[in-house]
Protein backbone atom coordinates (compact mmCIF):
# COMPACT_ATOMS: atom_id res chain seq x y z
CA MET A 1 75.30 56.41 92.63
CA MET A 2 73.29 59.55 92.13
CA HIS A 3 70.94 59.68 89.16
CA LEU A 4 69.35 62.81 87.78
CA LEU A 5 65.56 62.93 87.46
CA GLN A 6 64.43 62.50 83.85
CA PRO A 7 61.09 64.37 84.22
CA GLU A 8 62.94 67.44 85.53
CA ILE A 9 65.57 67.18 82.80
CA SER A 10 62.73 67.15 80.28
CA ARG A 11 61.21 70.26 81.88
CA GLY A 12 64.53 72.03 81.54
CA ARG A 13 64.93 70.90 77.94
CA ALA A 14 61.44 72.16 77.14
CA GLY A 15 62.18 75.59 78.55
CA GLU A 16 59.52 75.33 81.24
CA SER A 17 59.81 77.05 84.61
CA SER A 18 61.23 75.05 87.46
CA VAL A 19 58.75 74.09 90.13
CA ALA A 20 61.41 72.47 92.25
CA GLY A 21 64.17 74.95 92.57
CA GLY A 22 62.54 78.33 92.98
CA ALA A 23 63.99 79.95 89.86
CA GLY A 24 63.00 83.47 89.08
CA GLY A 25 64.61 85.91 91.49
CA PRO A 26 67.27 86.52 94.07
CA ASP A 27 65.18 85.11 96.90
CA GLY A 28 63.50 82.38 94.91
CA GLY A 29 59.99 83.70 95.50
CA THR A 30 57.26 81.59 97.07
CA ALA A 31 58.44 78.33 95.52
CA GLY A 32 61.96 78.98 96.74
CA ALA A 33 60.80 79.71 100.29
CA GLU A 34 58.93 76.40 100.40
CA MET A 35 62.00 74.58 99.11
CA TRP A 36 64.16 75.94 101.89
CA ARG A 37 61.46 75.24 104.50
CA LEU A 38 61.42 71.62 103.37
CA ALA A 39 65.21 71.51 103.53
CA GLY A 40 64.91 72.59 107.15
CA VAL A 41 62.45 69.78 107.84
CA ALA A 42 64.67 67.18 106.15
CA CYS A 43 67.79 68.32 107.99
CA ALA A 44 66.15 69.04 111.33
CA GLU A 45 68.31 66.54 113.22
CA MET A 46 71.57 67.60 111.58
CA SER A 47 74.02 70.02 113.09
CA ALA A 48 75.09 73.01 111.03
CA PRO A 49 76.85 73.85 108.89
CA VAL A 50 75.07 71.63 106.45
CA ALA A 51 74.90 72.07 102.68
CA VAL A 52 72.15 70.58 100.54
CA LEU A 53 71.73 69.72 96.88
CA HIS A 54 68.17 69.72 95.53
CA LEU A 55 68.11 66.86 93.03
CA PRO A 56 65.06 68.10 91.06
CA ALA A 57 66.65 71.54 90.71
CA LEU A 58 69.98 70.08 89.59
CA SER A 59 68.16 67.89 87.05
CA PHE A 60 66.12 70.82 85.75
CA ASN A 61 69.28 72.90 85.34
CA ALA A 62 71.03 70.07 83.49
CA GLY A 63 68.15 69.95 81.02
CA SER A 64 68.04 73.72 80.67
CA LEU A 65 71.73 73.87 79.78
CA LEU A 66 71.24 71.19 77.12
CA ARG A 67 68.42 73.18 75.54
CA ARG A 68 70.52 76.34 75.50
CA ALA A 69 73.53 74.50 74.05
CA GLY A 70 71.54 73.82 70.88
CA GLY A 71 72.93 70.35 70.26
CA LYS A 72 76.61 70.97 70.89
CA PRO A 73 78.20 68.87 73.68
CA ILE A 74 78.81 70.49 77.06
CA ARG A 75 82.12 70.02 78.84
CA VAL A 76 81.50 70.36 82.60
CA ALA A 77 83.63 72.89 84.52
CA SER A 78 84.62 70.95 87.62
CA LYS A 79 85.55 74.07 89.60
CA SER A 80 81.85 74.87 89.70
CA ILE A 81 80.92 71.44 91.09
CA ARG A 82 83.80 69.92 93.15
CA SER A 83 81.99 66.64 93.77
CA ARG A 84 82.79 63.50 91.80
CA ASP A 85 79.33 62.03 92.45
CA VAL A 86 77.67 65.07 90.93
CA LEU A 87 80.08 65.08 87.99
CA ARG A 88 79.36 61.40 87.30
CA ALA A 89 75.60 61.97 87.42
CA VAL A 90 75.74 64.88 84.98
CA LEU A 91 78.17 63.21 82.57
CA ALA A 92 75.86 60.19 82.42
CA GLN A 93 73.39 62.36 80.46
CA ASP A 94 73.48 62.50 76.68
CA GLY A 95 74.80 65.87 75.59
CA TYR A 96 77.45 66.14 78.30
CA ALA A 97 81.01 65.08 77.43
CA GLY A 98 84.27 65.70 79.22
CA ILE A 99 85.58 67.69 82.15
CA LEU A 100 87.10 71.17 82.22
CA ALA A 101 89.35 70.79 85.29
CA PHE A 102 91.13 73.52 87.22
CA THR A 103 94.45 71.94 88.26
CA LEU A 104 96.67 69.16 86.95
CA PRO A 105 96.66 67.20 90.28
CA GLU A 106 92.86 67.28 90.12
CA ALA A 107 92.95 66.04 86.52
CA LEU A 108 95.29 63.18 87.44
CA TRP A 109 92.94 62.19 90.27
CA LEU A 110 89.90 62.27 88.00
CA ALA A 111 91.74 60.40 85.24
CA SER A 112 92.22 57.43 87.57
CA ASP A 113 88.41 57.01 87.46
CA ASP A 114 86.96 55.49 84.27
CA ALA A 115 84.00 57.87 84.53
CA PHE A 116 86.34 60.67 83.45
CA THR A 117 88.20 59.86 80.26
CA ASP A 118 88.43 63.31 78.65
CA ILE A 119 89.82 66.05 80.90
CA VAL A 120 91.04 69.45 79.77
CA VAL A 121 92.88 71.45 82.42
CA ALA A 122 91.55 74.95 81.75
CA TYR A 123 94.44 76.83 83.34
CA PRO A 124 98.22 76.56 82.81
CA THR A 125 100.16 74.47 85.30
CA ALA A 126 103.48 75.07 87.05
CA ASN A 127 103.38 71.86 89.10
CA GLY A 128 106.53 69.92 88.23
CA PRO A 129 105.83 66.70 90.18
CA ALA A 130 102.33 66.52 88.69
CA LEU A 131 103.67 67.06 85.17
CA ARG A 132 106.20 64.28 85.62
CA ALA A 133 103.45 62.02 87.00
CA LEU A 134 101.36 62.76 83.92
CA ALA A 135 104.29 61.99 81.62
CA ALA A 136 104.85 58.61 83.29
CA ASP A 137 101.23 57.44 83.09
CA PRO A 138 100.01 56.28 79.64
CA ARG A 139 96.36 56.31 80.68
CA ALA A 140 96.62 59.85 82.04
CA CYS A 141 98.48 60.95 78.91
CA SER A 142 95.56 59.75 76.80
CA ARG A 143 92.92 61.39 79.01
CA VAL A 144 94.41 64.74 80.09
CA THR A 145 95.01 67.87 78.00
CA LEU A 146 96.95 70.86 79.37
CA MET A 147 96.40 74.54 78.54
CA VAL A 148 99.19 76.77 77.23
CA ASP A 149 99.43 80.28 75.84
CA SER A 150 103.14 81.17 75.66
CA ALA A 151 106.59 79.92 74.69
CA GLU A 152 107.71 80.62 78.26
CA GLN A 153 105.34 77.89 79.47
CA LEU A 154 106.59 75.45 76.82
CA ASP A 155 110.19 76.16 77.89
CA TRP A 156 109.29 75.39 81.51
CA MET A 157 107.46 72.20 80.63
CA ALA A 158 110.27 71.00 78.38
CA GLY A 159 112.74 71.61 81.22
CA VAL A 160 110.65 69.60 83.68
CA LEU A 161 110.20 66.77 81.19
CA ALA A 162 113.86 66.65 80.10
CA GLN A 163 114.63 63.79 82.48
CA ALA A 164 111.15 62.27 82.56
CA ALA A 165 111.03 60.41 79.22
CA PRO A 166 107.25 60.85 78.63
CA VAL A 167 105.47 57.67 77.58
CA ALA A 168 103.45 59.67 75.05
CA PRO A 169 103.29 63.25 73.74
CA ILE A 170 101.69 65.64 76.24
CA ARG A 171 98.33 66.77 74.88
CA LEU A 172 98.02 70.57 74.70
CA ALA A 173 95.35 73.16 73.94
CA LEU A 174 95.76 76.86 73.16
CA ASP A 175 93.97 79.43 75.31
CA LEU A 176 92.83 82.30 73.08
CA ASP A 177 92.16 85.66 74.72
CA ALA A 178 88.43 86.36 74.16
CA SER A 179 88.29 89.74 75.90
CA TRP A 180 86.89 92.71 73.97
CA ARG A 181 89.06 95.70 73.13
CA PRO A 182 86.91 98.40 71.52
CA ARG A 183 88.83 100.43 68.95
CA VAL A 184 88.62 104.06 67.99
CA GLY A 185 90.68 105.40 65.12
CA GLY A 186 92.44 102.07 64.75
CA ARG A 187 93.62 102.01 68.36
CA ASP A 188 92.49 99.95 71.37
CA VAL A 189 90.71 102.15 73.90
CA GLY A 190 89.94 99.63 76.62
CA HIS A 191 90.02 96.03 77.78
CA ILE A 192 86.71 94.44 78.74
CA GLY A 193 87.04 90.92 80.07
CA VAL A 194 89.57 88.93 82.03
CA ARG A 195 93.37 89.19 81.88
CA ARG A 196 94.57 85.75 80.88
CA SER A 197 96.15 84.68 77.63
CA PRO A 198 98.40 86.87 75.45
CA LEU A 199 97.21 85.00 72.33
CA ARG A 200 94.73 87.07 70.34
CA SER A 201 95.36 86.70 66.62
CA GLY A 202 95.83 84.03 64.02
CA ALA A 203 99.51 84.97 63.80
CA ASP A 204 99.88 84.49 67.57
CA ALA A 205 98.25 81.07 67.36
CA ILE A 206 100.28 79.95 64.35
CA GLY A 207 103.47 80.89 66.16
CA MET A 208 102.49 78.77 69.14
CA THR A 209 101.36 75.90 66.93
CA LEU A 210 104.71 75.78 65.14
CA ASP A 211 106.59 76.10 68.43
CA ILE A 212 104.65 73.16 69.90
CA ALA A 213 105.35 71.02 66.84
CA SER A 214 109.06 71.77 66.99
CA ARG A 215 109.59 70.54 70.55
CA ARG A 216 111.23 67.12 70.68
CA LEU A 217 112.90 64.97 73.31
CA GLY A 218 115.23 62.13 72.31
CA GLY A 219 113.94 62.30 68.75
CA GLN A 220 110.32 61.91 69.90
CA GLN A 221 107.59 64.50 69.69
CA LEU A 222 107.20 66.11 73.15
CA PHE A 223 103.81 67.80 72.72
CA GLN A 224 100.68 67.32 70.63
CA LEU A 225 98.32 70.23 69.97
CA VAL A 226 94.74 68.89 70.08
CA GLY A 227 92.47 71.79 71.01
CA LEU A 228 91.74 75.46 71.44
CA MET A 229 89.70 77.28 74.09
CA ALA A 230 88.30 80.85 74.14
CA TYR A 231 86.20 81.81 77.17
CA GLU A 232 84.15 85.01 76.77
CA ALA A 233 84.11 85.95 80.47
CA GLN A 234 82.56 89.37 79.81
CA ILE A 235 79.49 87.61 78.38
CA ALA A 236 79.34 84.21 80.05
CA GLY A 237 80.21 85.39 83.55
CA LEU A 238 78.63 88.84 83.77
CA GLN A 239 74.95 89.32 84.63
CA ASP A 240 73.22 91.57 82.09
CA THR A 241 70.27 92.44 84.34
CA PRO A 242 71.76 93.49 87.71
CA HIS A 243 69.46 93.86 90.70
CA THR A 244 71.06 96.20 93.20
CA GLY A 245 67.72 97.68 94.27
CA ASN A 246 68.23 100.97 92.41
CA ARG A 247 65.83 100.44 89.49
CA VAL A 248 66.98 103.40 87.42
CA ALA A 249 70.66 102.59 87.82
CA ASP A 250 70.03 98.90 87.17
CA LEU A 251 68.14 99.61 83.93
CA ALA A 252 70.86 101.95 82.70
CA LYS A 253 73.62 99.50 83.55
CA SER A 254 71.71 96.65 81.91
CA ALA A 255 71.34 98.58 78.65
CA VAL A 256 75.08 99.30 78.57
CA LEU A 257 76.03 95.73 79.41
CA LYS A 258 73.77 94.27 76.74
CA GLN A 259 75.28 96.53 74.08
CA ILE A 260 78.81 95.64 75.20
CA GLN A 261 77.99 91.94 75.10
CA ARG A 262 76.44 92.14 71.61
CA SER A 263 79.48 93.94 70.25
CA SER A 264 81.90 91.65 72.05
CA MET A 265 80.23 88.46 70.83
CA ALA A 266 80.28 89.67 67.25
CA GLU A 267 83.98 90.53 67.51
CA VAL A 268 85.07 87.29 69.18
CA THR A 269 83.02 85.14 66.80
CA GLU A 270 84.82 86.62 63.80
CA ARG A 271 88.25 86.58 65.45
CA ARG A 272 87.89 83.05 66.86
CA GLY A 273 86.82 81.75 63.46
CA ASN A 274 89.87 83.30 61.81
CA VAL A 275 92.21 81.85 64.45
CA VAL A 276 90.71 78.37 64.18
CA ALA A 277 91.01 78.50 60.38
CA ALA A 278 94.66 79.55 60.66
CA VAL A 279 95.57 76.80 63.13
CA THR A 280 93.75 74.05 61.25
CA ASN A 281 95.86 74.82 58.20
CA ILE A 282 98.71 73.30 60.22
CA VAL A 283 97.14 70.77 62.58
CA GLU A 284 93.78 69.05 62.92
CA LEU A 285 92.07 70.02 66.18
CA GLU A 286 89.94 67.60 68.19
CA PHE A 287 87.94 70.40 69.83
CA VAL A 288 87.33 74.14 69.94
CA ASN A 289 85.83 75.05 73.32
CA GLY A 290 83.90 78.23 73.99
CA GLY A 291 81.39 79.85 76.24
CA GLY A 292 80.18 79.33 79.75
CA THR A 293 76.90 79.06 81.61
CA GLY A 294 75.93 82.65 80.83
CA SER A 295 76.49 82.53 77.07
CA LEU A 296 75.55 79.04 75.84
CA GLU A 297 72.79 80.13 73.43
CA LEU A 298 75.12 82.73 71.93
CA THR A 299 78.37 80.78 71.74
CA THR A 300 76.70 77.76 70.18
CA GLN A 301 75.93 79.91 67.12
CA ASP A 302 79.66 80.30 66.40
CA PRO A 303 80.40 77.71 63.68
CA SER A 304 84.04 77.46 64.72
CA VAL A 305 83.09 76.18 68.20
CA THR A 306 82.68 72.41 68.51
CA GLU A 307 81.84 72.17 72.21
CA LEU A 308 80.69 74.40 75.06
CA ALA A 309 81.72 74.73 78.69
CA ALA A 310 79.34 75.14 81.63
CA GLY A 311 79.24 74.40 85.33
CA SER A 312 77.74 77.17 87.44
CA GLY A 313 74.36 76.79 85.80
CA LEU A 314 74.02 73.35 87.37
CA PHE A 315 74.01 74.73 90.94
CA GLY A 316 72.49 78.15 90.16
CA PRO A 317 74.17 80.39 92.80
CA THR A 318 73.19 84.03 93.37
CA LEU A 319 75.66 85.45 90.83
CA PHE A 320 73.51 83.78 88.15
CA ASP A 321 70.24 85.38 89.22
CA GLY A 322 70.63 88.40 86.95
CA TYR A 323 70.71 87.06 83.38
CA SER A 324 68.00 87.97 80.90
CA ARG A 325 68.44 84.83 78.79
CA PHE A 326 67.86 82.14 81.44
CA LYS A 327 66.85 81.54 85.07
CA PRO A 328 68.58 78.58 86.73
CA ALA A 329 66.85 76.81 89.58
CA HIS A 330 68.41 77.19 93.01
CA ALA A 331 69.98 73.79 93.51
CA VAL A 332 72.45 74.30 96.37
CA GLY A 333 72.34 76.12 99.70
CA PHE A 334 73.60 75.81 103.22
CA ALA A 335 72.40 76.36 106.78
CA ALA A 336 73.99 77.93 109.85
CA GLN A 337 72.56 77.78 113.37
CA VAL A 338 71.47 80.61 115.63
CA VAL A 339 73.75 80.82 118.68
CA ARG A 340 72.95 84.22 120.29
CA ARG A 341 70.62 87.22 120.24
CA PRO A 342 72.39 90.57 120.65
CA ALA A 343 69.11 92.53 120.26
CA PRO A 344 65.41 91.67 119.88
CA ASP A 345 65.57 92.11 116.10
CA ILE A 346 69.01 90.55 115.60
CA VAL A 347 70.20 86.95 115.81
CA THR A 348 73.73 85.70 115.28
CA VAL A 349 74.50 82.44 113.48
CA LEU A 350 77.73 80.48 113.78
CA GLY A 351 79.69 80.72 110.51
CA GLY A 352 78.21 82.04 107.30
CA GLY A 353 81.24 83.90 105.99
CA TRP A 354 81.53 81.82 102.88
CA ILE A 355 82.61 84.69 100.65
CA ALA A 356 83.03 84.06 96.93
CA SER A 357 86.13 84.97 94.93
CA GLY A 358 86.18 87.87 92.49
CA PRO A 359 85.90 91.65 92.92
CA ALA A 360 85.17 92.27 96.61
CA GLY A 361 81.61 93.50 97.15
CA PRO A 362 78.24 92.66 98.67
CA ASP A 363 77.35 90.41 95.74
CA ARG A 364 80.08 87.97 96.85
CA SER A 365 78.42 87.33 100.22
CA PRO A 366 75.97 84.50 100.86
CA ALA A 367 72.34 85.63 100.92
CA PRO A 368 69.99 84.58 103.77
CA VAL A 369 66.87 83.11 102.13
CA TYR A 370 64.96 81.29 104.89
CA PRO A 371 63.22 82.22 107.01
CA PRO A 372 62.41 85.24 104.84
CA GLY A 373 62.89 88.65 106.40
CA LEU A 374 66.57 88.55 107.38
CA ALA A 375 69.50 90.58 106.07
CA MET A 376 73.17 91.06 106.83
CA VAL A 377 74.16 93.85 109.21
CA GLY A 378 76.05 96.30 107.01
CA THR A 379 78.80 97.06 109.48
CA GLU A 380 79.72 93.38 109.88
CA GLY A 381 78.57 91.40 106.86
CA ALA A 382 79.24 87.66 106.68
CA GLY A 383 81.69 86.90 109.47
CA GLU A 384 84.54 84.42 109.64
CA VAL A 385 82.91 82.67 112.61
CA GLN A 386 79.77 84.67 113.45
CA THR A 387 77.23 86.40 111.22
CA PRO A 388 74.58 88.72 112.73
CA LEU A 389 71.29 88.93 110.85
CA ARG A 390 68.68 91.63 111.33
CA GLY A 391 65.01 91.61 110.41
CA PRO A 392 61.48 90.80 111.55
CA ALA A 393 62.11 87.06 111.32
CA ALA A 394 64.78 87.31 114.02
CA ALA A 395 62.19 87.64 116.76
CA ARG A 396 60.73 84.22 115.89
CA LEU A 397 64.04 82.37 115.80
CA ARG A 398 65.38 80.44 118.79
CA ILE A 399 68.83 79.25 119.78
CA GLY A 400 69.67 76.22 117.59
CA ASP A 401 67.31 77.13 114.74
CA LYS A 402 68.77 77.03 111.26
CA VAL A 403 69.00 79.92 108.82
CA TRP A 404 69.35 78.94 105.16
CA PHE A 405 71.65 80.77 102.78
CA ARG A 406 72.37 80.70 99.09
CA HIS A 407 76.02 81.14 98.19
CA ALA A 408 77.34 83.51 95.54
CA LYS A 409 79.66 81.43 93.36
CA SER A 410 79.04 77.88 92.32
CA GLY A 411 81.65 75.37 93.42
CA GLU A 412 83.34 77.19 96.27
CA VAL A 413 80.60 76.15 98.70
CA CYS A 414 81.95 72.59 98.51
CA GLU A 415 85.24 73.72 100.08
CA HIS A 416 83.35 74.20 103.37
CA VAL A 417 81.61 70.83 103.80
CA ASP A 418 82.51 67.16 103.47
CA ALA A 419 79.33 66.26 101.59
CA LEU A 420 76.19 67.68 100.04
CA VAL A 421 72.97 66.29 101.50
CA VAL A 422 70.89 65.31 98.48
CA LEU A 423 67.20 66.20 98.79
CA ASP A 424 64.07 65.54 96.80
CA GLY A 425 61.45 67.85 98.24
CA GLY A 426 61.48 67.33 101.99
CA HIS A 427 63.23 63.97 101.84
CA ILE A 428 66.88 63.03 102.06
CA VAL A 429 67.65 60.71 99.13
CA GLY A 430 71.41 60.47 99.40
CA GLY A 431 74.69 62.23 99.92
CA ALA A 432 77.40 63.44 97.55
CA PRO A 433 80.95 63.67 98.96
CA THR A 434 82.75 66.86 98.01
CA TYR A 435 86.40 67.07 97.00
CA ARG A 436 87.05 68.18 100.60
CA GLY A 437 85.14 65.16 101.89
CA GLU A 438 87.41 62.92 99.84
CA GLY A 439 90.44 64.60 101.37
CA LYS A 440 91.29 66.70 98.32
CA ALA A 441 92.18 70.40 98.24
CA PHE A 442 93.44 71.42 94.83
CA ILE A 443 93.66 75.19 95.06
């Protein structure tokens, strides 16, 4: 079993800089370059692709998140990890409690493991067989909570469960829309954030609460409302100090983003508090979940929030390089091997096109970090099978050499490999099977 390193957790808790993970910039600086060089030494005999997890960096990040959470428990977003070994190691630390899962089949799988006894599925489900399996399993019913935001979903679930005779009420949580809609003259003039739940007000939430309480099957209560979630994507998931290379444009964009995020946090804090107060007039909630890696120190100040969510900050991918409030260590990366040389200053590696989800753009591509001095070729980018890289370092690379990359979004890297090679400095100290390595593909 993997164990996090207590000295590095303490460094993160104390707010010190990471010496293990190369935090501090998109390329990791000098410390980051040494980390990737050592990864190359440790994995010299391994064929690519190979993905590594730096245990000191993961431990530092775990401590840093706890410091930023300000004493509130952190529920770990499994989509950002996708390895049960890593989830177990993080949840073994005081201050971490529960899983924020991304599908119901995943939640059922995790619930069969006694390391995971509190699982909230963060997104609505439309998987009938999985819902019936949940309803038939008393242990899963006690450990899994589903997310809802409309009567249409409740109708669908009630239809699926009509012949299932659930062994216990299905635990539910409301997903409150936390996007920001600036108003001028009493009218909404925009929508800043993600498009998810239609629930925005206390009246919306009360309507859903009463609807949930009214649903019965054979005289028994069908659902039980136990929680509420409000994820401020425009704050938690949006870098406030972008680094596109255009200093003037980056400074201007940063100033605008910071103002938007201040206004948005003030609005959602007031609105979320009102909604929670309205719902708790009807039912006692076990949890109110808020935030994400990018907003922990802000969301924890909301008195209506009882727990926080985070996941990406544990791995520290490139999309988390541009926050002013924290600098995660670079805990995960992968290597591809050089297979050809189309020009003296260009080498081509096999693979590398591990593009992240979200708005298509260069920031979703993996970034070559070692050896330093390589960049994508603009006309090709990260290829499905081959990725050309141009730069002065190309001349020194040989066929079979490894190029190390950092990926853009946290957990998606684990969909490409069966296991993460766990490193401490230049030494392999273990391996962590990914969901893929355990034969699981949930989305």
